[in-house]
PDB file of N, CA and C in Angstrom:
ATOM      1  N   MET A   1     -17.016  -9.940 -19.632  1.00  0.00           N
ATOM      2  CA  MET A   1     -18.952  -9.855 -19.249  1.00  0.00           C
ATOM      3  C   MET A   1     -18.805 -10.454 -17.609  1.00  0.00           C
ATOM      4  N   ALA A   2     -19.613 -10.134 -16.560  1.00  0.00           N
ATOM      5  CA  ALA A   2     -19.967 -10.212 -15.542  1.00  0.00           C
ATOM      6  C   ALA A   2     -20.547 -11.805 -15.376  1.00  0.00           C
ATOM      7  N   HIS A   3     -20.148 -12.436 -14.428  1.00  0.00           N
ATOM      8  CA  HIS A   3     -20.661 -13.816 -13.488  1.00  0.00           C
ATOM      9  C   HIS A   3     -22.394 -13.673 -12.955  1.00  0.00           C
ATOM     10  N   THR A   4     -23.306 -14.104 -13.903  1.00  0.00           N
ATOM     11  CA  THR A   4     -24.154 -14.468 -13.521  1.00  0.00           C
ATOM     12  C   THR A   4     -24.493 -15.334 -11.609  1.00  0.00           C
ATOM     13  N   LEU A   5     -24.501 -15.212 -10.821  1.00  0.00           N
ATOM     14  CA  LEU A   5     -24.753 -16.529  -9.912  1.00  0.00           C
ATOM     15  C   LEU A   5     -25.683 -17.509 -10.370  1.00  0.00           C
ATOM     16  N   ASN A   6     -25.565 -18.843 -10.374  1.00  0.00           N
ATOM     17  CA  ASN A   6     -26.788 -19.366  -9.889  1.00  0.00           C
ATOM     18  C   ASN A   6     -27.346 -19.814  -9.089  1.00  0.00           C
ATOM     19  N   TYR A   7     -26.864 -19.929  -8.041  1.00  0.00           N
ATOM     20  CA  TYR A   7     -27.313 -19.934  -6.499  1.00  0.00           C
ATOM     21  C   TYR A   7     -27.353 -18.875  -5.129  1.00  0.00           C
ATOM     22  N   SER A   8     -28.180 -18.860  -4.871  1.00  0.00           N
ATOM     23  CA  SER A   8     -27.577 -18.254  -3.445  1.00  0.00           C
ATOM     24  C   SER A   8     -27.710 -19.015  -2.370  1.00  0.00           C
ATOM     25  N   SER A   9     -27.110 -18.959  -1.127  1.00  0.00           N
ATOM     26  CA  SER A   9     -27.615 -19.938  -0.055  1.00  0.00           C
ATOM     27  C   SER A   9     -28.997 -20.390  -0.112  1.00  0.00           C
ATOM     28  N   LYS A  10     -29.431 -19.661   0.113  1.00  0.00           N
ATOM     29  CA  LYS A  10     -31.470 -19.436  -0.004  1.00  0.00           C
ATOM     30  C   LYS A  10     -31.957 -20.444  -0.678  1.00  0.00           C
ATOM     31  N   SER A  11     -31.453 -20.077  -1.824  1.00  0.00           N
ATOM     32  CA  SER A  11     -32.135 -20.471  -3.602  1.00  0.00           C
ATOM     33  C   SER A  11     -31.615 -21.857  -3.378  1.00  0.00           C
ATOM     34  N   LEU A  12     -30.438 -22.518  -3.313  1.00  0.00           N
ATOM     35  CA  LEU A  12     -29.583 -23.927  -2.847  1.00  0.00           C
ATOM     36  C   LEU A  12     -30.800 -24.933  -2.162  1.00  0.00           C
ATOM     37  N   LEU A  13     -30.526 -24.061  -0.938  1.00  0.00           N
ATOM     38  CA  LEU A  13     -31.908 -24.901   0.294  1.00  0.00           C
ATOM     39  C   LEU A  13     -33.345 -25.521  -0.761  1.00  0.00           C
ATOM     40  N   ASP A  14     -33.551 -24.550  -1.203  1.00  0.00           N
ATOM     41  CA  ASP A  14     -34.850 -24.733  -1.916  1.00  0.00           C
ATOM     42  C   ASP A  14     -35.034 -25.324  -3.124  1.00  0.00           C
ATOM     43  N   VAL A  15     -33.966 -26.335  -3.078  1.00  0.00           N
ATOM     44  CA  VAL A  15     -33.994 -26.675  -4.616  1.00  0.00           C
ATOM     45  C   VAL A  15     -34.513 -28.004  -4.560  1.00  0.00           C
ATOM     46  N   LYS A  16     -35.043 -28.582  -4.949  1.00  0.00           N
ATOM     47  CA  LYS A  16     -36.111 -29.931  -4.726  1.00  0.00           C
ATOM     48  C   LYS A  16     -35.863 -30.473  -5.915  1.00  0.00           C
ATOM     49  N   PHE A  17     -35.834 -32.069  -5.929  1.00  0.00           N
ATOM     50  CA  PHE A  17     -34.817 -32.461  -6.876  1.00  0.00           C
ATOM     51  C   PHE A  17     -36.739 -33.656  -7.143  1.00  0.00           C
ATOM     52  N   GLU A  18     -36.679 -34.231  -8.191  1.00  0.00           N
ATOM     53  CA  GLU A  18     -38.136 -35.355  -8.034  1.00  0.00           C
ATOM     54  C   GLU A  18     -37.651 -36.490  -8.043  1.00  0.00           C
ATOM     55  N   PRO A  19     -38.641 -37.256  -7.533  1.00  0.00           N
ATOM     56  CA  PRO A  19     -38.305 -38.715  -7.000  1.00  0.00           C
ATOM     57  C   PRO A  19     -37.866 -39.374  -8.563  1.00  0.00           C
ATOM     58  N   GLY A  20     -37.357 -40.697  -8.447  1.00  0.00           N
ATOM     59  CA  GLY A  20     -36.812 -40.871 -10.075  1.00  0.00           C
ATOM     60  C   GLY A  20     -37.222 -42.649 -10.290  1.00  0.00           C
ATOM     61  N   HIS A  21     -37.465 -43.281 -10.599  1.00  0.00           N
ATOM     62  CA  HIS A  21     -37.627 -44.585 -10.207  1.00  0.00           C
ATOM     63  C   HIS A  21     -36.962 -45.532  -9.083  1.00  0.00           C
ATOM     64  N   LYS A  22     -35.510 -45.044  -9.593  1.00  0.00           N
ATOM     65  CA  LYS A  22     -34.404 -45.615  -7.699  1.00  0.00           C
ATOM     66  C   LYS A  22     -33.800 -44.017  -7.547  1.00  0.00           C
ATOM     67  N   GLY A  23     -34.779 -43.532  -7.178  1.00  0.00           N
ATOM     68  CA  GLY A  23     -34.469 -42.523  -6.669  1.00  0.00           C
ATOM     69  C   GLY A  23     -34.122 -41.171  -7.348  1.00  0.00           C
ATOM     70  N   TYR A  24     -33.192 -40.053  -6.947  1.00  0.00           N
ATOM     71  CA  TYR A  24     -33.992 -38.717  -7.562  1.00  0.00           C
ATOM     72  C   TYR A  24     -33.346 -39.044  -9.224  1.00  0.00           C
ATOM     73  N   ASP A  25     -33.854 -38.419  -9.898  1.00  0.00           N
ATOM     74  CA  ASP A  25     -33.139 -37.467 -11.722  1.00  0.00           C
ATOM     75  C   ASP A  25     -31.842 -37.526 -11.753  1.00  0.00           C
ATOM     76  N   ALA A  26     -30.752 -38.142 -12.053  1.00  0.00           N
ATOM     77  CA  ALA A  26     -29.298 -38.123 -12.266  1.00  0.00           C
ATOM     78  C   ALA A  26     -28.363 -36.925 -12.906  1.00  0.00           C
ATOM     79  N   LEU A  27     -29.376 -36.853 -14.011  1.00  0.00           N
ATOM     80  CA  LEU A  27     -29.775 -35.327 -15.228  1.00  0.00           C
ATOM     81  C   LEU A  27     -30.299 -34.271 -14.821  1.00  0.00           C
ATOM     82  N   GLU A  28     -31.277 -34.718 -13.783  1.00  0.00           N
ATOM     83  CA  GLU A  28     -31.315 -33.107 -12.379  1.00  0.00           C
ATOM     84  C   GLU A  28     -30.301 -32.788 -11.534  1.00  0.00           C
ATOM     85  N   VAL A  29     -29.540 -33.849 -11.568  1.00  0.00           N
ATOM     86  CA  VAL A  29     -28.666 -33.348 -10.422  1.00  0.00           C
ATOM     87  C   VAL A  29     -26.917 -33.339 -10.192  1.00  0.00           C
ATOM     88  N   ASP A  30     -27.437 -33.828 -11.431  1.00  0.00           N
ATOM     89  CA  ASP A  30     -25.596 -33.377 -12.429  1.00  0.00           C
ATOM     90  C   ASP A  30     -25.975 -31.859 -12.742  1.00  0.00           C
ATOM     91  N   GLN A  31     -27.275 -31.015 -13.401  1.00  0.00           N
ATOM     92  CA  GLN A  31     -27.051 -30.281 -14.104  1.00  0.00           C
ATOM     93  C   GLN A  31     -26.989 -29.096 -13.129  1.00  0.00           C
ATOM     94  N   VAL A  32     -27.482 -29.292 -11.297  1.00  0.00           N
ATOM     95  CA  VAL A  32     -27.511 -28.558 -10.405  1.00  0.00           C
ATOM     96  C   VAL A  32     -26.187 -28.029  -9.851  1.00  0.00           C
ATOM     97  N   LEU A  33     -25.643 -29.525 -10.147  1.00  0.00           N
ATOM     98  CA  LEU A  33     -24.096 -30.039  -9.211  1.00  0.00           C
ATOM     99  C   LEU A  33     -23.264 -29.100 -10.374  1.00  0.00           C
ATOM    100  N   ASP A  34     -23.194 -28.684 -11.629  1.00  0.00           N
ATOM    101  CA  ASP A  34     -22.496 -28.475 -13.157  1.00  0.00           C
ATOM    102  C   ASP A  34     -23.003 -26.613 -12.718  1.00  0.00           C
ATOM    103  N   GLN A  35     -24.536 -25.979 -12.130  1.00  0.00           N
ATOM    104  CA  GLN A  35     -24.117 -25.195 -11.982  1.00  0.00           C
ATOM    105  C   GLN A  35     -23.781 -24.932 -10.874  1.00  0.00           C
ATOM    106  N   LEU A  36     -23.502 -25.641  -9.983  1.00  0.00           N
ATOM    107  CA  LEU A  36     -22.812 -25.173  -8.473  1.00  0.00           C
ATOM    108  C   LEU A  36     -21.231 -25.021  -8.786  1.00  0.00           C
ATOM    109  N   ILE A  37     -20.728 -25.537  -9.761  1.00  0.00           N
ATOM    110  CA  ILE A  37     -18.859 -26.221  -9.969  1.00  0.00           C
ATOM    111  C   ILE A  37     -18.755 -24.542 -10.314  1.00  0.00           C
ATOM    112  N   GLU A  38     -20.328 -24.156 -11.270  1.00  0.00           N
ATOM    113  CA  GLU A  38     -19.769 -23.214 -11.897  1.00  0.00           C
ATOM    114  C   GLU A  38     -19.204 -21.629 -11.260  1.00  0.00           C
ATOM    115  N   ASP A  39     -20.528 -21.900 -10.048  1.00  0.00           N
ATOM    116  CA  ASP A  39     -20.172 -20.789  -9.155  1.00  0.00           C
ATOM    117  C   ASP A  39     -19.142 -20.407  -8.274  1.00  0.00           C
ATOM    118  N   LEU A  40     -18.387 -21.718  -7.889  1.00  0.00           N
ATOM    119  CA  LEU A  40     -17.154 -22.336  -6.970  1.00  0.00           C
ATOM    120  C   LEU A  40     -16.091 -21.383  -7.491  1.00  0.00           C
ATOM    121  N   LYS A  41     -16.249 -22.536  -9.159  1.00  0.00           N
ATOM    122  CA  LYS A  41     -15.165 -21.529 -10.269  1.00  0.00           C
ATOM    123  C   LYS A  41     -15.189 -19.880  -9.592  1.00  0.00           C
ATOM    124  N   PHE A  42     -16.478 -19.337 -10.001  1.00  0.00           N
ATOM    125  CA  PHE A  42     -16.561 -17.778 -10.004  1.00  0.00           C
ATOM    126  C   PHE A  42     -16.011 -17.408  -8.412  1.00  0.00           C
ATOM    127  N   TYR A  43     -16.517 -18.108  -7.400  1.00  0.00           N
ATOM    128  CA  TYR A  43     -15.966 -17.370  -5.919  1.00  0.00           C
ATOM    129  C   TYR A  43     -14.497 -17.683  -5.537  1.00  0.00           C
ATOM    130  N   GLU A  44     -14.255 -19.145  -6.268  1.00  0.00           N
ATOM    131  CA  GLU A  44     -12.341 -18.680  -6.131  1.00  0.00           C
ATOM    132  C   GLU A  44     -11.471 -18.168  -7.272  1.00  0.00           C
ATOM    133  N   LYS A  45     -11.894 -17.655  -8.204  1.00  0.00           N
ATOM    134  CA  LYS A  45     -11.704 -16.746  -9.396  1.00  0.00           C
ATOM    135  C   LYS A  45     -11.437 -15.416  -8.396  1.00  0.00           C
ATOM    136  N   TYR A  46     -12.846 -14.440  -7.623  1.00  0.00           N
ATOM    137  CA  TYR A  46     -12.926 -13.294  -7.288  1.00  0.00           C
ATOM    138  C   TYR A  46     -11.837 -13.419  -5.967  1.00  0.00           C
ATOM    139  N   TYR A  47     -12.130 -15.231  -4.772  1.00  0.00           N
ATOM    140  CA  TYR A  47     -11.498 -14.732  -4.012  1.00  0.00           C
ATOM    141  C   TYR A  47      -9.838 -14.460  -4.196  1.00  0.00           C
ATOM    142  N   ASN A  48      -9.184 -15.041  -4.636  1.00  0.00           N
ATOM    143  CA  ASN A  48      -7.861 -15.128  -5.405  1.00  0.00           C
ATOM    144  C   ASN A  48      -7.291 -13.974  -5.992  1.00  0.00           C
ATOM    145  N   ASP A  49      -8.470 -13.425  -7.001  1.00  0.00           N
ATOM    146  CA  ASP A  49      -8.329 -11.877  -7.330  1.00  0.00           C
ATOM    147  C   ASP A  49      -8.308 -10.639  -6.076  1.00  0.00           C
ATOM    148  N   SER A  50      -8.739 -10.627  -4.895  1.00  0.00           N
ATOM    149  CA  SER A  50      -9.316  -9.960  -4.135  1.00  0.00           C
ATOM    150  C   SER A  50      -7.846 -10.587  -3.434  1.00  0.00           C
ATOM    151  N   LYS A  51      -7.580 -11.230  -2.963  1.00  0.00           N
ATOM    152  CA  LYS A  51      -6.159 -11.737  -2.376  1.00  0.00           C
ATOM    153  C   LYS A  51      -5.121 -10.651  -3.200  1.00  0.00           C
ATOM    154  N   ASN A  52      -4.759 -11.533  -3.924  1.00  0.00           N
ATOM    155  CA  ASN A  52      -3.485 -10.268  -4.888  1.00  0.00           C
ATOM    156  C   ASN A  52      -3.992  -9.279  -4.858  1.00  0.00           C
ATOM    157  N   TYR A  53      -5.150  -8.584  -5.254  1.00  0.00           N
ATOM    158  CA  TYR A  53      -5.196  -7.285  -4.758  1.00  0.00           C
ATOM    159  C   TYR A  53      -5.070  -7.084  -3.298  1.00  0.00           C
ATOM    160  N   ILE A  54      -5.325  -7.329  -2.641  1.00  0.00           N
ATOM    161  CA  ILE A  54      -5.263  -6.771  -1.253  1.00  0.00           C
ATOM    162  C   ILE A  54      -3.684  -6.788  -1.432  1.00  0.00           C
ATOM    163  N   ARG A  55      -3.057  -7.640  -1.559  1.00  0.00           N
ATOM    164  CA  ARG A  55      -1.117  -7.707  -0.743  1.00  0.00           C
ATOM    165  C   ARG A  55      -0.605  -6.487  -1.397  1.00  0.00           C
ATOM    166  N   LYS A  56      -1.363  -6.320  -3.403  1.00  0.00           N
ATOM    167  CA  LYS A  56      -0.823  -5.232  -3.863  1.00  0.00           C
ATOM    168  C   LYS A  56      -1.107  -3.706  -2.598  1.00  0.00           C
ATOM    169  N   LEU A  57      -2.622  -3.834  -2.532  1.00  0.00           N
ATOM    170  CA  LEU A  57      -2.240  -2.503  -1.668  1.00  0.00           C
ATOM    171  C   LEU A  57      -1.572  -2.668  -0.351  1.00  0.00           C
ATOM    172  N   GLU A  58      -1.562  -3.744  -0.060  1.00  0.00           N
ATOM    173  CA  GLU A  58      -0.431  -3.537   1.061  1.00  0.00           C
ATOM    174  C   GLU A  58       0.533  -3.439   0.972  1.00  0.00           C
ATOM    175  N   SER A  59       1.142  -3.796  -0.372  1.00  0.00           N
ATOM    176  CA  SER A  59       2.540  -3.152  -0.732  1.00  0.00           C
ATOM    177  C   SER A  59       2.454  -1.631  -1.024  1.00  0.00           C
ATOM    178  N   GLU A  60       1.923  -1.312  -1.725  1.00  0.00           N
ATOM    179  CA  GLU A  60       2.020   0.084  -1.782  1.00  0.00           C
ATOM    180  C   GLU A  60       1.635   0.778  -0.331  1.00  0.00           C
ATOM    181  N   VAL A  61       0.561   0.271   0.087  1.00  0.00           N
ATOM    182  CA  VAL A  61       0.716   1.121   1.710  1.00  0.00           C
ATOM    183  C   VAL A  61       1.953   0.903   2.240  1.00  0.00           C
ATOM    184  N   GLN A  62       3.053  -0.077   2.359  1.00  0.00           N
ATOM    185  CA  GLN A  62       4.460  -0.066   2.828  1.00  0.00           C
ATOM    186  C   GLN A  62       5.337   0.901   2.462  1.00  0.00           C
ATOM    187  N   LYS A  63       4.853   0.615   1.088  1.00  0.00           N
ATOM    188  CA  LYS A  63       5.758   2.078   0.109  1.00  0.00           C
ATOM    189  C   LYS A  63       5.719   3.539   0.901  1.00  0.00           C
ATOM    190  N   LEU A  64       4.798   3.752   0.564  1.00  0.00           N
ATOM    191  CA  LEU A  64       4.169   5.111   1.310  1.00  0.00           C
ATOM    192  C   LEU A  64       4.381   5.444   2.376  1.00  0.00           C
ATOM    193  N   LYS A  65       4.513   3.697   3.356  1.00  0.00           N
ATOM    194  CA  LYS A  65       4.882   4.435   5.076  1.00  0.00           C
ATOM    195  C   LYS A  65       6.634   4.782   5.196  1.00  0.00           C
ATOM    196  N   ASP A  66       7.175   3.576   4.367  1.00  0.00           N
ATOM    197  CA  ASP A  66       8.391   4.306   3.941  1.00  0.00           C
ATOM    198  C   ASP A  66       8.674   5.534   3.452  1.00  0.00           C
ATOM    199  N   LYS A  67       8.479   5.789   2.667  1.00  0.00           N
ATOM    200  CA  LYS A  67       8.262   7.116   1.879  1.00  0.00           C
ATOM    201  C   LYS A  67       7.646   8.516   3.706  1.00  0.00           C
ATOM    202  N   ILE A  68       6.437   8.286   3.734  1.00  0.00           N
ATOM    203  CA  ILE A  68       6.627   9.308   4.902  1.00  0.00           C
ATOM    204  C   ILE A  68       7.398   8.760   6.384  1.00  0.00           C
ATOM    205  N   HIS A  69       8.784   7.942   6.985  1.00  0.00           N
ATOM    206  CA  HIS A  69       8.956   7.537   7.606  1.00  0.00           C
ATOM    207  C   HIS A  69      10.824   8.603   6.847  1.00  0.00           C
ATOM    208  N   ALA A  70      10.522   8.661   5.937  1.00  0.00           N
ATOM    209  CA  ALA A  70      11.749   9.414   5.171  1.00  0.00           C
ATOM    210  C   ALA A  70      11.564  10.443   5.399  1.00  0.00           C
ATOM    211  N   GLN A  71      10.899  10.919   4.834  1.00  0.00           N
ATOM    212  CA  GLN A  71       9.888  12.742   4.823  1.00  0.00           C
ATOM    213  C   GLN A  71      10.856  13.292   6.128  1.00  0.00           C
ATOM    214  N   GLU A  72       9.664  12.000   6.726  1.00  0.00           N
ATOM    215  CA  GLU A  72       9.868  12.466   8.575  1.00  0.00           C
ATOM    216  C   GLU A  72      11.416  12.599   8.927  1.00  0.00           C
ATOM    217  N   MET A  73      12.151  11.931   8.620  1.00  0.00           N
ATOM    218  CA  MET A  73      13.895  12.041   8.859  1.00  0.00           C
ATOM    219  C   MET A  73      14.557  12.665   8.267  1.00  0.00           C
ATOM    220  N   GLU A  74      13.997  13.201   7.270  1.00  0.00           N
ATOM    221  CA  GLU A  74      13.690  14.101   6.528  1.00  0.00           C
ATOM    222  C   GLU A  74      14.484  15.709   7.444  1.00  0.00           C
ATOM    223  N   VAL A  75      12.359  15.917   7.362  1.00  0.00           N
ATOM    224  CA  VAL A  75      12.265  17.434   8.881  1.00  0.00           C
ATOM    225  C   VAL A  75      12.980  17.401   9.656  1.00  0.00           C
ATOM    226  N   ALA A  76      12.734  16.618  10.464  1.00  0.00           N
ATOM    227  CA  ALA A  76      13.693  16.369  11.550  1.00  0.00           C
ATOM    228  C   ALA A  76      15.399  17.196  11.294  1.00  0.00           C
ATOM    229  N   SER A  77      15.750  16.295  10.785  1.00  0.00           N
ATOM    230  CA  SER A  77      17.553  17.265   9.686  1.00  0.00           C
ATOM    231  C   SER A  77      16.938  18.447   9.321  1.00  0.00           C
ATOM    232  N   VAL A  78      15.859  18.842   8.724  1.00  0.00           N
ATOM    233  CA  VAL A  78      16.481  20.391   8.573  1.00  0.00           C
ATOM    234  C   VAL A  78      15.984  21.557   9.755  1.00  0.00           C
ATOM    235  N   LYS A  79      14.705  20.794  10.527  1.00  0.00           N
ATOM    236  CA  LYS A  79      14.416  21.367  11.655  1.00  0.00           C
ATOM    237  C   LYS A  79      15.807  21.456  12.704  1.00  0.00           C
ATOM    238  N   ASN A  80      16.302  20.536  12.886  1.00  0.00           N
ATOM    239  CA  ASN A  80      17.749  20.574  13.837  1.00  0.00           C
ATOM    240  C   ASN A  80      18.386  21.646  13.268  1.00  0.00           C
ATOM    241  N   LYS A  81      19.283  21.154  11.504  1.00  0.00           N
ATOM    242  CA  LYS A  81      19.551  21.699  11.078  1.00  0.00           C
ATOM    243  C   LYS A  81      19.776  23.649  11.409  1.00  0.00           C
ATOM    244  N   TYR A  82      18.858  23.477  10.649  1.00  0.00           N
ATOM    245  CA  TYR A  82      17.357  25.445  10.843  1.00  0.00           C
ATOM    246  C   TYR A  82      17.603  25.296  12.685  1.00  0.00           C
ATOM    247  N   SER A  83      17.769  24.482  14.340  1.00  0.00           N
ATOM    248  CA  SER A  83      16.991  24.960  14.866  1.00  0.00           C
ATOM    249  C   SER A  83      17.607  26.622  15.927  1.00  0.00           C
ATOM    250  N   GLY A  84      18.999  26.671  15.213  1.00  0.00           N
ATOM    251  CA  GLY A  84      19.726  27.907  15.465  1.00  0.00           C
ATOM    252  C   GLY A  84      18.487  29.333  15.234  1.00  0.00           C
ATOM    253  N   ILE A  85      17.804  29.451  13.920  1.00  0.00           N
ATOM    254  CA  ILE A  85      17.190  30.219  13.767  1.00  0.00           C
ATOM    255  C   ILE A  85      15.741  30.888  14.755  1.00  0.00           C
ATOM    256  N   LYS A  86      15.592  31.802  15.099  1.00  0.00           N
ATOM    257  CA  LYS A  86      14.596  31.891  16.466  1.00  0.00           C
ATOM    258  C   LYS A  86      13.675  32.514  15.271  1.00  0.00           C
ATOM    259  N   PRO A  87      12.376  32.053  15.829  1.00  0.00           N
ATOM    260  CA  PRO A  87      11.282  32.915  15.413  1.00  0.00           C
ATOM    261  C   PRO A  87      11.229  34.312  15.539  1.00  0.00           C
ATOM    262  N   GLY A  88      11.124  35.207  14.519  1.00  0.00           N
ATOM    263  CA  GLY A  88      11.236  36.746  14.672  1.00  0.00           C
ATOM    264  C   GLY A  88      12.089  37.553  14.069  1.00  0.00           C
ATOM    265  N   GLN A  89      13.387  36.423  13.794  1.00  0.00           N
ATOM    266  CA  GLN A  89      14.486  36.697  13.145  1.00  0.00           C
ATOM    267  C   GLN A  89      14.097  36.986  11.596  1.00  0.00           C
ATOM    268  N   ASN A  90      14.606  38.269  11.235  1.00  0.00           N
ATOM    269  CA  ASN A  90      14.454  38.300   9.484  1.00  0.00           C
ATOM    270  C   ASN A  90      15.290  37.613   8.966  1.00  0.00           C
ATOM    271  N   VAL A  91      14.614  36.169   8.050  1.00  0.00           N
ATOM    272  CA  VAL A  91      15.762  35.196   7.992  1.00  0.00           C
ATOM    273  C   VAL A  91      15.247  34.978   6.966  1.00  0.00           C
ATOM    274  N   SER A  92      15.823  35.497   5.596  1.00  0.00           N
ATOM    275  CA  SER A  92      15.570  35.112   4.179  1.00  0.00           C
ATOM    276  C   SER A  92      15.519  34.155   3.413  1.00  0.00           C
ATOM    277  N   GLU A  93      15.790  33.862   1.683  1.00  0.00           N
ATOM    278  CA  GLU A  93      15.887  32.656   1.997  1.00  0.00           C
ATOM    279  C   GLU A  93      17.593  32.989   1.310  1.00  0.00           C
ATOM    280  N   ASN A  94      17.584  33.932   1.464  1.00  0.00           N
ATOM    281  CA  ASN A  94      19.451  34.602   0.168  1.00  0.00           C
ATOM    282  C   ASN A  94      19.763  34.101   2.016  1.00  0.00           C
ATOM    283  N   ASN A  95      19.051  34.210   3.283  1.00  0.00           N
ATOM    284  CA  ASN A  95      20.182  33.907   4.382  1.00  0.00           C
ATOM    285  C   ASN A  95      20.235  32.434   4.454  1.00  0.00           C
ATOM    286  N   ILE A  96      20.010  31.788   4.336  1.00  0.00           N
ATOM    287  CA  ILE A  96      19.760  30.447   4.064  1.00  0.00           C
ATOM    288  C   ILE A  96      20.244  29.730   3.204  1.00  0.00           C
ATOM    289  N   GLU A  97      20.577  30.355   1.574  1.00  0.00           N
ATOM    290  CA  GLU A  97      21.718  29.663   0.602  1.00  0.00           C
ATOM    291  C   GLU A  97      22.838  30.341   1.184  1.00  0.00           C
ATOM    292  N   LEU A  98      23.037  30.963   1.833  1.00  0.00           N
ATOM    293  CA  LEU A  98      24.329  31.776   2.533  1.00  0.00           C
ATOM    294  C   LEU A  98      24.566  30.437   3.745  1.00  0.00           C
ATOM    295  N   LEU A  99      23.746  30.405   4.223  1.00  0.00           N
ATOM    296  CA  LEU A  99      24.212  29.544   5.630  1.00  0.00           C
ATOM    297  C   LEU A  99      24.481  27.897   4.295  1.00  0.00           C
ATOM    298  N   LYS A 100      23.406  26.983   3.652  1.00  0.00           N
ATOM    299  CA  LYS A 100      24.563  25.801   3.192  1.00  0.00           C
ATOM    300  C   LYS A 100      25.540  26.404   2.094  1.00  0.00           C
ATOM    301  N   ARG A 101      25.822  27.028   1.651  1.00  0.00           N
ATOM    302  CA  ARG A 101      27.167  27.513   1.307  1.00  0.00           C
ATOM    303  C   ARG A 101      28.064  27.167   2.352  1.00  0.00           C
ATOM    304  N   ILE A 102      28.280  28.531   3.531  1.00  0.00           N
ATOM    305  CA  ILE A 102      29.161  27.903   4.737  1.00  0.00           C
ATOM    306  C   ILE A 102      29.236  26.897   5.390  1.00  0.00           C
ATOM    307  N   SER A 103      28.470  26.115   5.081  1.00  0.00           N
ATOM    308  CA  SER A 103      28.245  24.655   5.393  1.00  0.00           C
ATOM    309  C   SER A 103      28.960  23.588   5.114  1.00  0.00           C
ATOM    310  N   LYS A 104      28.559  23.528   3.527  1.00  0.00           N
ATOM    311  CA  LYS A 104      29.564  22.571   2.355  1.00  0.00           C
ATOM    312  C   LYS A 104      31.439  23.519   2.483  1.00  0.00           C
ATOM    313  N   LEU A 105      30.952  24.439   2.953  1.00  0.00           N
ATOM    314  CA  LEU A 105      32.965  25.155   2.949  1.00  0.00           C
ATOM    315  C   LEU A 105      33.104  24.826   4.387  1.00  0.00           C
ATOM    316  N   GLU A 106      32.187  24.361   4.321  1.00  0.00           N
ATOM    317  CA  GLU A 106      33.567  23.989   6.485  1.00  0.00           C
ATOM    318  C   GLU A 106      33.813  22.088   6.396  1.00  0.00           C
ATOM    319  N   GLU A 107      32.455  21.857   5.571  1.00  0.00           N
ATOM    320  CA  GLU A 107      32.816  20.419   5.586  1.00  0.00           C
ATOM    321  C   GLU A 107      33.751  19.426   4.397  1.00  0.00           C
ATOM    322  N   ALA A 108      34.072  20.968   3.548  1.00  0.00           N
ATOM    323  CA  ALA A 108      35.602  20.477   2.440  1.00  0.00           C
ATOM    324  C   ALA A 108      36.738  21.129   3.532  1.00  0.00           C
ATOM    325  N   LEU A 109      36.645  22.209   4.837  1.00  0.00           N
ATOM    326  CA  LEU A 109      37.709  22.250   5.699  1.00  0.00           C
ATOM    327  C   LEU A 109      37.776  21.269   6.277  1.00  0.00           C
ATOM    328  N   TYR A 110      36.675  20.526   6.472  1.00  0.00           N
ATOM    329  CA  TYR A 110      36.962  19.800   7.644  1.00  0.00           C
ATOM    330  C   TYR A 110      37.724  18.156   6.441  1.00  0.00           C
ATOM    331  N   LYS A 111      37.505  17.378   5.312  1.00  0.00           N
ATOM    332  CA  LYS A 111      37.823  16.892   4.817  1.00  0.00           C
ATOM    333  C   LYS A 111      39.432  17.241   4.161  1.00  0.00           C
ATOM    334  N   LYS A 112      39.764  18.313   4.360  1.00  0.00           N
ATOM    335  CA  LYS A 112      41.431  18.743   4.104  1.00  0.00           C
ATOM    336  C   LYS A 112      41.687  18.463   5.585  1.00  0.00           C
ATOM    337  N   GLY A 113      41.318  18.562   7.373  1.00  0.00           N
ATOM    338  CA  GLY A 113      41.644  18.260   7.897  1.00  0.00           C
ATOM    339  C   GLY A 113      41.987  19.872   8.633  1.00  0.00           C
ATOM    340  N   VAL A 114      41.512  20.510   7.976  1.00  0.00           N
ATOM    341  CA  VAL A 114      41.195  21.582   8.927  1.00  0.00           C
ATOM    342  C   VAL A 114      40.066  22.088   9.798  1.00  0.00           C
ATOM    343  N   ASP A 115      40.444  22.263  10.757  1.00  0.00           N
ATOM    344  CA  ASP A 115      38.847  22.772  11.587  1.00  0.00           C
ATOM    345  C   ASP A 115      38.677  24.407  11.610  1.00  0.00           C
ATOM    346  N   PRO A 116      37.704  24.235  10.655  1.00  0.00           N
ATOM    347  CA  PRO A 116      36.926  25.752  11.107  1.00  0.00           C
ATOM    348  C   PRO A 116      37.064  26.930  11.965  1.00  0.00           C
ATOM    349  N   GLU A 117      36.359  26.046  13.014  1.00  0.00           N
ATOM    350  CA  GLU A 117      36.178  26.853  14.160  1.00  0.00           C
ATOM    351  C   GLU A 117      37.740  27.528  14.841  1.00  0.00           C
ATOM    352  N   THR A 118      39.269  27.089  14.059  1.00  0.00           N
ATOM    353  CA  THR A 118      39.762  27.577  14.894  1.00  0.00           C
ATOM    354  C   THR A 118      40.347  28.514  13.999  1.00  0.00           C
ATOM    355  N   ILE A 119      40.367  28.475  12.463  1.00  0.00           N
ATOM    356  CA  ILE A 119      40.239  29.977  11.581  1.00  0.00           C
ATOM    357  C   ILE A 119      39.628  31.071  12.379  1.00  0.00           C
ATOM    358  N   ARG A 120      40.201  32.198  12.462  1.00  0.00           N
ATOM    359  CA  ARG A 120      40.464  33.780  12.698  1.00  0.00           C
ATOM    360  C   ARG A 120      40.526  34.719  12.139  1.00  0.00           C
TER     361      ARG A 120
END
């Protein structure tokens, strides 16, 4: 259920207390203060909920920025890896798969201590 605020800054300025025998009527002042406390509790909850929501969103933004950075690094790596392919060359998916296989085979040879450049 939504909370309806009892006072706005303007309406609070317009509150008039009836003067009583020895000052203002304590019951009337207490009622206004109780309503103000109720409003303040609502504002405090709203403020805290908003802060928590902002923290959650900032955390999600940071995760997305990290993900974007990782993807940018991956794109740069792929661009570097395939930089030898010139525009206009007829490159098929099959060629790329063959290049990947060759790359893996070269890595396996390096691990075994054989330089693939020396094999002819």
